N, C-alpha and C. Protein backbone atom coordinates (compact mmCIF):
# COMPACT_ATOMS: atom_id res chain seq x y z
N MET A 1 96.12 -11.47 53.99
CA MET A 1 95.03 -10.51 54.05
C MET A 1 93.95 -10.99 53.06
N ILE A 2 92.75 -10.97 53.53
CA ILE A 2 91.60 -11.43 52.75
C ILE A 2 91.01 -10.20 52.07
N ARG A 3 90.83 -10.29 50.77
CA ARG A 3 90.22 -9.20 50.03
C ARG A 3 88.74 -9.51 49.83
N GLY A 4 87.94 -8.44 49.83
CA GLY A 4 86.50 -8.61 49.60
C GLY A 4 86.22 -8.84 48.13
N ARG A 5 85.00 -9.20 47.87
CA ARG A 5 84.58 -9.38 46.45
C ARG A 5 84.63 -8.06 45.72
N ARG A 6 84.99 -8.16 44.48
CA ARG A 6 85.05 -6.99 43.65
C ARG A 6 83.68 -6.82 42.96
N HIS A 7 83.17 -5.64 43.09
CA HIS A 7 81.85 -5.34 42.50
C HIS A 7 82.01 -4.26 41.45
N GLY A 8 81.16 -4.28 40.44
CA GLY A 8 81.08 -3.19 39.50
C GLY A 8 81.96 -3.25 38.30
N SER A 9 82.46 -4.44 37.98
CA SER A 9 83.32 -4.57 36.77
C SER A 9 82.55 -4.15 35.54
N GLY A 10 81.29 -4.42 35.50
CA GLY A 10 80.43 -4.07 34.36
C GLY A 10 80.34 -2.54 34.18
N VAL A 11 80.28 -1.84 35.35
CA VAL A 11 80.20 -0.38 35.28
C VAL A 11 81.47 0.21 34.75
N ILE A 12 82.61 -0.34 35.15
CA ILE A 12 83.90 0.16 34.62
C ILE A 12 83.99 -0.08 33.14
N VAL A 13 83.61 -1.28 32.67
CA VAL A 13 83.65 -1.58 31.24
C VAL A 13 82.70 -0.72 30.54
N LEU A 14 81.48 -0.45 31.07
CA LEU A 14 80.52 0.41 30.41
C LEU A 14 81.04 1.84 30.24
N THR A 15 81.74 2.35 31.26
CA THR A 15 82.28 3.71 31.14
C THR A 15 83.34 3.80 30.04
N PHE A 16 84.16 2.75 29.90
CA PHE A 16 85.13 2.74 28.83
C PHE A 16 84.47 2.59 27.46
N ILE A 17 83.40 1.81 27.37
CA ILE A 17 82.68 1.68 26.09
C ILE A 17 82.05 3.02 25.71
N ILE A 18 81.46 3.72 26.64
CA ILE A 18 80.89 5.02 26.36
C ILE A 18 81.94 5.97 25.92
N ALA A 19 83.12 5.97 26.59
CA ALA A 19 84.20 6.85 26.23
C ALA A 19 84.73 6.53 24.81
N LEU A 20 84.81 5.26 24.46
CA LEU A 20 85.18 4.89 23.09
C LEU A 20 84.17 5.33 22.06
N LEU A 21 82.91 5.21 22.39
CA LEU A 21 81.85 5.66 21.50
C LEU A 21 81.91 7.17 21.28
N LEU A 22 82.16 7.91 22.36
CA LEU A 22 82.28 9.36 22.26
C LEU A 22 83.52 9.76 21.47
N THR A 23 84.51 8.88 21.44
CA THR A 23 85.74 9.16 20.69
C THR A 23 85.50 9.00 19.20
N VAL A 24 84.62 8.11 18.78
CA VAL A 24 84.48 7.86 17.34
C VAL A 24 83.16 8.44 16.76
N ILE A 25 82.30 9.00 17.57
CA ILE A 25 81.11 9.61 17.08
C ILE A 25 81.43 10.72 16.08
N PRO A 26 80.79 10.73 14.94
CA PRO A 26 81.11 11.75 13.93
C PRO A 26 80.79 13.19 14.39
N LEU A 27 81.70 14.08 14.08
CA LEU A 27 81.50 15.49 14.38
C LEU A 27 81.72 16.27 13.10
N PRO A 28 81.15 17.49 13.02
CA PRO A 28 81.46 18.30 11.86
C PRO A 28 82.95 18.68 11.78
N ASP A 29 83.40 19.04 10.63
CA ASP A 29 84.85 19.34 10.46
C ASP A 29 85.32 20.42 11.41
N TRP A 30 84.54 21.45 11.66
CA TRP A 30 84.98 22.53 12.52
C TRP A 30 85.13 22.09 13.96
N ALA A 31 84.45 21.04 14.40
CA ALA A 31 84.49 20.56 15.77
C ALA A 31 85.40 19.41 15.98
N ARG A 32 86.10 18.93 14.94
CA ARG A 32 86.92 17.76 15.03
C ARG A 32 88.03 17.88 16.08
N TYR A 33 88.65 19.06 16.10
CA TYR A 33 89.74 19.27 17.06
C TYR A 33 89.30 19.73 18.44
N LEU A 34 87.98 19.83 18.63
CA LEU A 34 87.45 20.22 19.92
C LEU A 34 86.95 19.06 20.77
N ARG A 35 87.10 17.82 20.20
CA ARG A 35 86.68 16.64 20.92
C ARG A 35 87.68 16.35 22.06
N PRO A 36 87.20 16.29 23.32
CA PRO A 36 88.08 15.95 24.39
C PRO A 36 88.51 14.46 24.34
N ASP A 37 89.59 14.18 25.06
CA ASP A 37 90.07 12.84 25.11
C ASP A 37 89.31 12.03 26.14
N TRP A 38 88.13 11.54 25.71
CA TRP A 38 87.25 10.86 26.63
C TRP A 38 87.89 9.63 27.27
N VAL A 39 88.56 8.84 26.49
CA VAL A 39 89.19 7.63 26.99
C VAL A 39 90.27 8.01 28.03
N GLY A 40 91.06 9.01 27.72
CA GLY A 40 92.06 9.49 28.65
C GLY A 40 91.47 9.90 29.98
N LEU A 41 90.38 10.67 29.91
CA LEU A 41 89.73 11.17 31.14
C LEU A 41 89.21 9.97 31.99
N VAL A 42 88.56 9.03 31.34
CA VAL A 42 88.03 7.87 32.06
C VAL A 42 89.14 7.01 32.63
N LEU A 43 90.20 6.83 31.90
CA LEU A 43 91.36 6.07 32.37
C LEU A 43 92.00 6.74 33.56
N ILE A 44 92.17 8.04 33.53
CA ILE A 44 92.77 8.76 34.63
C ILE A 44 91.85 8.61 35.85
N TYR A 45 90.57 8.72 35.74
CA TYR A 45 89.70 8.63 36.86
C TYR A 45 89.79 7.23 37.50
N TRP A 46 89.68 6.20 36.69
CA TRP A 46 89.68 4.85 37.29
C TRP A 46 91.04 4.47 37.87
N CYS A 47 92.13 4.99 37.27
CA CYS A 47 93.43 4.75 37.85
C CYS A 47 93.61 5.44 39.19
N MET A 48 92.97 6.61 39.34
CA MET A 48 92.99 7.27 40.64
C MET A 48 92.08 6.62 41.63
N ALA A 49 90.90 6.21 41.18
CA ALA A 49 89.90 5.69 42.10
C ALA A 49 90.16 4.25 42.50
N LEU A 50 90.57 3.42 41.57
CA LEU A 50 90.80 1.99 41.83
C LEU A 50 92.15 1.57 41.28
N PRO A 51 93.21 2.00 41.87
CA PRO A 51 94.53 1.69 41.32
C PRO A 51 94.90 0.19 41.42
N GLU A 52 94.25 -0.56 42.26
CA GLU A 52 94.52 -1.98 42.38
C GLU A 52 93.83 -2.78 41.27
N ARG A 53 92.84 -2.17 40.57
CA ARG A 53 92.12 -2.87 39.51
C ARG A 53 92.42 -2.33 38.12
N ILE A 54 92.56 -1.03 37.99
CA ILE A 54 92.77 -0.39 36.69
C ILE A 54 94.19 0.14 36.67
N GLY A 55 94.93 -0.25 35.62
CA GLY A 55 96.33 0.17 35.58
C GLY A 55 96.88 0.21 34.19
N VAL A 56 98.14 -0.10 34.11
CA VAL A 56 98.90 0.01 32.91
C VAL A 56 98.36 -0.92 31.82
N THR A 57 97.97 -2.15 32.21
CA THR A 57 97.43 -3.11 31.24
C THR A 57 96.13 -2.57 30.65
N THR A 58 95.30 -2.03 31.51
CA THR A 58 94.06 -1.42 31.01
C THR A 58 94.33 -0.25 30.05
N GLY A 59 95.32 0.57 30.40
CA GLY A 59 95.70 1.66 29.47
C GLY A 59 96.14 1.16 28.15
N TRP A 60 96.93 0.09 28.17
CA TRP A 60 97.41 -0.51 26.91
C TRP A 60 96.24 -1.06 26.10
N PHE A 61 95.33 -1.75 26.76
CA PHE A 61 94.23 -2.39 26.05
C PHE A 61 93.27 -1.38 25.45
N VAL A 62 92.86 -0.35 26.22
CA VAL A 62 91.98 0.62 25.66
C VAL A 62 92.65 1.50 24.63
N GLY A 63 93.98 1.68 24.79
CA GLY A 63 94.77 2.37 23.74
C GLY A 63 94.72 1.65 22.45
N LEU A 64 94.85 0.33 22.49
CA LEU A 64 94.77 -0.48 21.28
C LEU A 64 93.37 -0.35 20.63
N LEU A 65 92.34 -0.32 21.47
CA LEU A 65 90.98 -0.15 20.96
C LEU A 65 90.83 1.20 20.27
N VAL A 66 91.41 2.27 20.92
CA VAL A 66 91.38 3.59 20.29
C VAL A 66 92.08 3.55 18.95
N ASP A 67 93.26 2.89 18.92
CA ASP A 67 93.96 2.78 17.60
C ASP A 67 93.16 2.11 16.55
N LEU A 68 92.47 1.02 16.94
CA LEU A 68 91.69 0.29 15.97
C LEU A 68 90.43 1.08 15.51
N LEU A 69 89.80 1.76 16.46
CA LEU A 69 88.58 2.49 16.11
C LEU A 69 88.84 3.78 15.34
N THR A 70 89.97 4.43 15.57
CA THR A 70 90.27 5.67 14.89
C THR A 70 91.12 5.49 13.67
N GLY A 71 91.65 4.34 13.47
CA GLY A 71 92.48 4.11 12.30
C GLY A 71 93.86 4.70 12.36
N SER A 72 94.30 4.94 13.57
CA SER A 72 95.66 5.49 13.72
C SER A 72 96.66 4.32 13.73
N LEU A 73 97.93 4.68 13.76
CA LEU A 73 98.96 3.67 13.76
C LEU A 73 98.79 2.77 14.97
N LEU A 74 98.82 1.46 14.74
CA LEU A 74 98.58 0.50 15.80
C LEU A 74 99.65 0.60 16.88
N GLY A 75 99.28 0.92 18.08
CA GLY A 75 100.22 1.06 19.19
C GLY A 75 100.42 2.50 19.58
N GLN A 76 100.02 3.43 18.76
CA GLN A 76 100.28 4.86 19.02
C GLN A 76 99.57 5.29 20.33
N HIS A 77 98.25 5.11 20.38
CA HIS A 77 97.55 5.48 21.60
C HIS A 77 97.78 4.47 22.70
N ALA A 78 98.05 3.24 22.34
CA ALA A 78 98.37 2.24 23.38
C ALA A 78 99.57 2.64 24.19
N LEU A 79 100.59 3.05 23.52
CA LEU A 79 101.82 3.48 24.23
C LEU A 79 101.57 4.71 25.08
N SER A 80 100.90 5.72 24.52
CA SER A 80 100.70 6.94 25.28
C SER A 80 99.72 6.76 26.46
N LEU A 81 98.70 5.96 26.27
CA LEU A 81 97.76 5.74 27.40
C LEU A 81 98.37 4.84 28.45
N THR A 82 99.30 3.97 28.07
CA THR A 82 100.04 3.18 29.04
C THR A 82 100.86 4.06 29.92
N ILE A 83 101.53 5.02 29.30
CA ILE A 83 102.39 5.93 30.10
C ILE A 83 101.52 6.83 30.96
N VAL A 84 100.40 7.30 30.42
CA VAL A 84 99.48 8.12 31.25
C VAL A 84 98.98 7.34 32.45
N ALA A 85 98.63 6.05 32.25
CA ALA A 85 98.17 5.21 33.33
C ALA A 85 99.29 5.02 34.37
N TYR A 86 100.50 4.83 33.92
CA TYR A 86 101.63 4.63 34.83
C TYR A 86 101.86 5.90 35.69
N VAL A 87 101.87 7.03 35.04
CA VAL A 87 102.13 8.30 35.81
C VAL A 87 100.95 8.54 36.79
N THR A 88 99.70 8.27 36.37
CA THR A 88 98.59 8.44 37.25
C THR A 88 98.67 7.50 38.42
N LEU A 89 99.06 6.23 38.19
CA LEU A 89 99.21 5.29 39.30
C LEU A 89 100.37 5.70 40.23
N LYS A 90 101.37 6.26 39.69
CA LYS A 90 102.53 6.66 40.49
C LYS A 90 102.14 7.80 41.48
N PHE A 91 101.24 8.67 41.06
CA PHE A 91 100.91 9.83 41.88
C PHE A 91 99.44 9.82 42.37
N HIS A 92 98.81 8.66 42.33
CA HIS A 92 97.33 8.64 42.63
C HIS A 92 97.07 9.04 44.07
N LEU A 93 97.93 8.68 45.01
CA LEU A 93 97.65 9.05 46.38
C LEU A 93 97.72 10.56 46.60
N ARG A 94 98.69 11.19 45.95
CA ARG A 94 98.76 12.67 46.01
C ARG A 94 97.60 13.35 45.32
N LEU A 95 97.20 12.81 44.18
CA LEU A 95 96.13 13.41 43.41
C LEU A 95 94.79 13.35 44.16
N ARG A 96 94.58 12.30 44.90
CA ARG A 96 93.32 12.14 45.61
C ARG A 96 93.17 13.08 46.79
N LEU A 97 94.26 13.67 47.22
CA LEU A 97 94.24 14.54 48.37
C LEU A 97 93.87 15.98 48.00
N VAL A 98 94.07 16.37 46.76
CA VAL A 98 93.82 17.76 46.36
C VAL A 98 92.40 17.92 45.84
N PRO A 99 91.91 19.16 45.92
CA PRO A 99 90.56 19.40 45.37
C PRO A 99 90.47 19.12 43.89
N VAL A 100 89.27 18.95 43.39
CA VAL A 100 89.05 18.59 42.01
C VAL A 100 89.58 19.66 41.04
N TRP A 101 89.47 20.94 41.40
CA TRP A 101 89.95 21.95 40.51
C TRP A 101 91.46 21.90 40.38
N GLN A 102 92.16 21.47 41.42
CA GLN A 102 93.62 21.30 41.29
C GLN A 102 93.98 19.99 40.57
N GLN A 103 93.12 18.98 40.68
CA GLN A 103 93.31 17.79 39.94
C GLN A 103 93.21 18.02 38.45
N SER A 104 92.36 19.01 38.10
CA SER A 104 92.14 19.32 36.69
C SER A 104 93.45 19.86 36.06
N LEU A 105 94.27 20.52 36.84
CA LEU A 105 95.57 20.99 36.30
C LEU A 105 96.48 19.80 36.03
N THR A 106 96.46 18.80 36.93
CA THR A 106 97.24 17.59 36.70
C THR A 106 96.71 16.81 35.50
N VAL A 107 95.36 16.80 35.40
CA VAL A 107 94.76 16.12 34.23
C VAL A 107 95.20 16.78 32.97
N LEU A 108 95.29 18.11 32.96
CA LEU A 108 95.76 18.83 31.80
C LEU A 108 97.15 18.34 31.39
N VAL A 109 98.06 18.26 32.39
CA VAL A 109 99.43 17.76 32.10
C VAL A 109 99.40 16.36 31.54
N LEU A 110 98.54 15.47 32.14
CA LEU A 110 98.49 14.10 31.64
C LEU A 110 97.92 13.99 30.22
N LEU A 111 96.91 14.83 29.93
CA LEU A 111 96.33 14.81 28.60
C LEU A 111 97.31 15.39 27.58
N ILE A 112 98.08 16.42 27.96
CA ILE A 112 99.08 16.94 27.08
C ILE A 112 100.17 15.90 26.84
N LEU A 113 100.51 15.17 27.89
CA LEU A 113 101.51 14.09 27.73
C LEU A 113 101.02 13.05 26.71
N HIS A 114 99.75 12.69 26.79
CA HIS A 114 99.14 11.77 25.84
C HIS A 114 99.26 12.33 24.43
N GLN A 115 98.89 13.59 24.28
CA GLN A 115 98.99 14.18 22.93
C GLN A 115 100.39 14.34 22.43
N LEU A 116 101.32 14.68 23.31
CA LEU A 116 102.75 14.81 22.90
C LEU A 116 103.30 13.49 22.40
N LEU A 117 103.01 12.42 23.13
CA LEU A 117 103.49 11.12 22.73
C LEU A 117 102.87 10.69 21.38
N ALA A 118 101.55 10.92 21.23
CA ALA A 118 100.90 10.59 19.96
C ALA A 118 101.46 11.44 18.83
N LEU A 119 101.70 12.72 19.09
CA LEU A 119 102.29 13.62 18.11
C LEU A 119 103.71 13.19 17.74
N TRP A 120 104.49 12.78 18.72
CA TRP A 120 105.85 12.33 18.48
C TRP A 120 105.87 11.11 17.56
N ILE A 121 104.95 10.17 17.81
CA ILE A 121 104.92 8.99 16.96
C ILE A 121 104.44 9.36 15.58
N SER A 122 103.45 10.27 15.48
CA SER A 122 103.04 10.69 14.14
C SER A 122 104.14 11.37 13.32
N ARG A 123 104.93 12.21 14.00
CA ARG A 123 106.02 12.87 13.37
C ARG A 123 107.14 11.87 12.99
N LEU A 124 107.31 10.81 13.81
CA LEU A 124 108.30 9.80 13.56
C LEU A 124 108.01 9.06 12.25
N ILE A 125 106.73 8.84 11.93
CA ILE A 125 106.37 8.14 10.71
C ILE A 125 106.20 9.05 9.54
N GLY A 126 106.44 10.38 9.73
CA GLY A 126 106.45 11.29 8.60
C GLY A 126 105.19 12.10 8.34
N ARG A 127 104.28 12.09 9.30
CA ARG A 127 103.07 12.86 9.09
C ARG A 127 103.42 14.36 9.33
N PRO A 128 102.69 15.25 8.66
CA PRO A 128 103.01 16.68 8.79
C PRO A 128 102.72 17.24 10.19
N GLY A 129 103.21 18.42 10.45
CA GLY A 129 102.96 19.09 11.74
C GLY A 129 101.49 19.39 11.93
N VAL A 130 101.17 19.81 13.12
CA VAL A 130 99.75 20.06 13.47
C VAL A 130 99.56 21.56 13.75
N PRO A 131 98.35 22.05 13.55
CA PRO A 131 98.07 23.45 13.88
C PRO A 131 98.02 23.67 15.40
N LEU A 132 97.95 24.94 15.78
CA LEU A 132 97.95 25.27 17.17
C LEU A 132 96.72 24.74 17.90
N TYR A 133 95.58 24.66 17.20
CA TYR A 133 94.36 24.18 17.88
C TYR A 133 94.40 22.67 18.11
N PHE A 134 95.51 22.00 17.78
CA PHE A 134 95.66 20.60 18.11
C PHE A 134 95.61 20.36 19.62
N TRP A 135 95.97 21.37 20.40
CA TRP A 135 96.05 21.23 21.84
C TRP A 135 94.71 21.51 22.52
N ALA A 136 93.68 21.91 21.79
CA ALA A 136 92.41 22.22 22.37
C ALA A 136 91.75 21.04 23.10
N PRO A 137 91.84 19.81 22.69
CA PRO A 137 91.22 18.70 23.43
C PRO A 137 91.75 18.59 24.89
N SER A 138 93.00 18.86 25.06
CA SER A 138 93.57 18.78 26.42
C SER A 138 93.01 19.90 27.30
N ILE A 139 92.84 21.09 26.76
CA ILE A 139 92.29 22.18 27.57
C ILE A 139 90.82 21.94 27.81
N ILE A 140 90.09 21.43 26.85
CA ILE A 140 88.68 21.13 27.05
C ILE A 140 88.51 19.98 28.04
N GLY A 141 89.41 18.99 27.96
CA GLY A 141 89.37 17.89 28.96
C GLY A 141 89.63 18.38 30.34
N MET A 142 90.55 19.34 30.51
CA MET A 142 90.78 19.93 31.81
C MET A 142 89.54 20.62 32.37
N MET A 143 88.87 21.35 31.47
CA MET A 143 87.63 22.05 31.92
C MET A 143 86.48 21.08 32.23
N LEU A 144 86.46 19.95 31.52
CA LEU A 144 85.42 18.93 31.80
C LEU A 144 85.76 18.03 32.93
N TRP A 145 86.97 18.01 33.45
CA TRP A 145 87.36 17.08 34.52
C TRP A 145 86.43 17.12 35.73
N PRO A 146 86.05 18.30 36.28
CA PRO A 146 85.18 18.28 37.44
C PRO A 146 83.85 17.57 37.15
N ALA A 147 83.29 17.75 36.01
CA ALA A 147 82.03 17.09 35.63
C ALA A 147 82.22 15.61 35.47
N VAL A 148 83.29 15.22 34.75
CA VAL A 148 83.58 13.77 34.55
C VAL A 148 83.91 13.12 35.89
N HIS A 149 84.69 13.76 36.70
CA HIS A 149 85.01 13.23 38.04
C HIS A 149 83.74 13.03 38.87
N GLY A 150 82.88 14.08 38.88
CA GLY A 150 81.64 13.96 39.68
C GLY A 150 80.71 12.86 39.15
N LEU A 151 80.56 12.76 37.81
CA LEU A 151 79.74 11.74 37.22
C LEU A 151 80.21 10.33 37.52
N LEU A 152 81.52 10.10 37.29
CA LEU A 152 82.09 8.76 37.52
C LEU A 152 82.10 8.43 39.02
N ARG A 153 82.36 9.42 39.83
CA ARG A 153 82.33 9.20 41.29
C ARG A 153 80.91 8.81 41.73
N GLY A 154 79.93 9.54 41.22
CA GLY A 154 78.54 9.19 41.57
C GLY A 154 78.17 7.77 41.13
N MET A 155 78.62 7.37 39.91
CA MET A 155 78.37 6.03 39.41
C MET A 155 79.07 4.97 40.30
N ARG A 156 80.30 5.31 40.68
CA ARG A 156 81.06 4.35 41.51
C ARG A 156 80.39 4.17 42.86
N ARG A 157 79.87 5.23 43.43
CA ARG A 157 79.22 5.11 44.73
C ARG A 157 77.84 4.46 44.62
N SER A 158 77.05 4.83 43.62
CA SER A 158 75.73 4.28 43.54
C SER A 158 75.71 2.79 43.17
N PHE A 159 76.70 2.37 42.37
CA PHE A 159 76.80 0.95 42.01
C PHE A 159 77.74 0.20 42.90
N ARG A 160 78.30 0.83 43.89
CA ARG A 160 79.25 0.26 44.87
C ARG A 160 80.40 -0.46 44.19
N VAL A 161 81.00 0.23 43.26
CA VAL A 161 82.19 -0.34 42.56
C VAL A 161 83.36 -0.28 43.50
N ASN A 162 84.01 -1.41 43.68
CA ASN A 162 85.23 -1.48 44.54
C ASN A 162 86.23 -2.40 43.96
């Protein structure tokens, strides 16, 4: 089978760069726990939209970049984003069939999975527990999913990313 040329690699890379920048942009102390998981949202979208191009390796690589940029334990986000990418790839055909508002519930589960794995690793190395508002980024990410999905889908169509 002959595959067509792949277009739009720069758009994919640009979306991940923007997500990484939004992850490290300074926020006031009161808003620190309200920052959604931008990298997780972008990774979930591209794994659903282009599963043959974006996958576990991409999750691992951008997770390492998140670890380096945020100063967390090296491999913490890499492991959790790899698992999120794997689960998204495993169910991408089912996820694409449901409406965006139902996808947002699955996105909530995936973002909570990311946070649970990161929290587990933090607790493993002896960091203290987290307050209840630690889970706010997952809920905010779920609420932002329709907008993120629409924005990235529009970019994918207008730049003919395949």
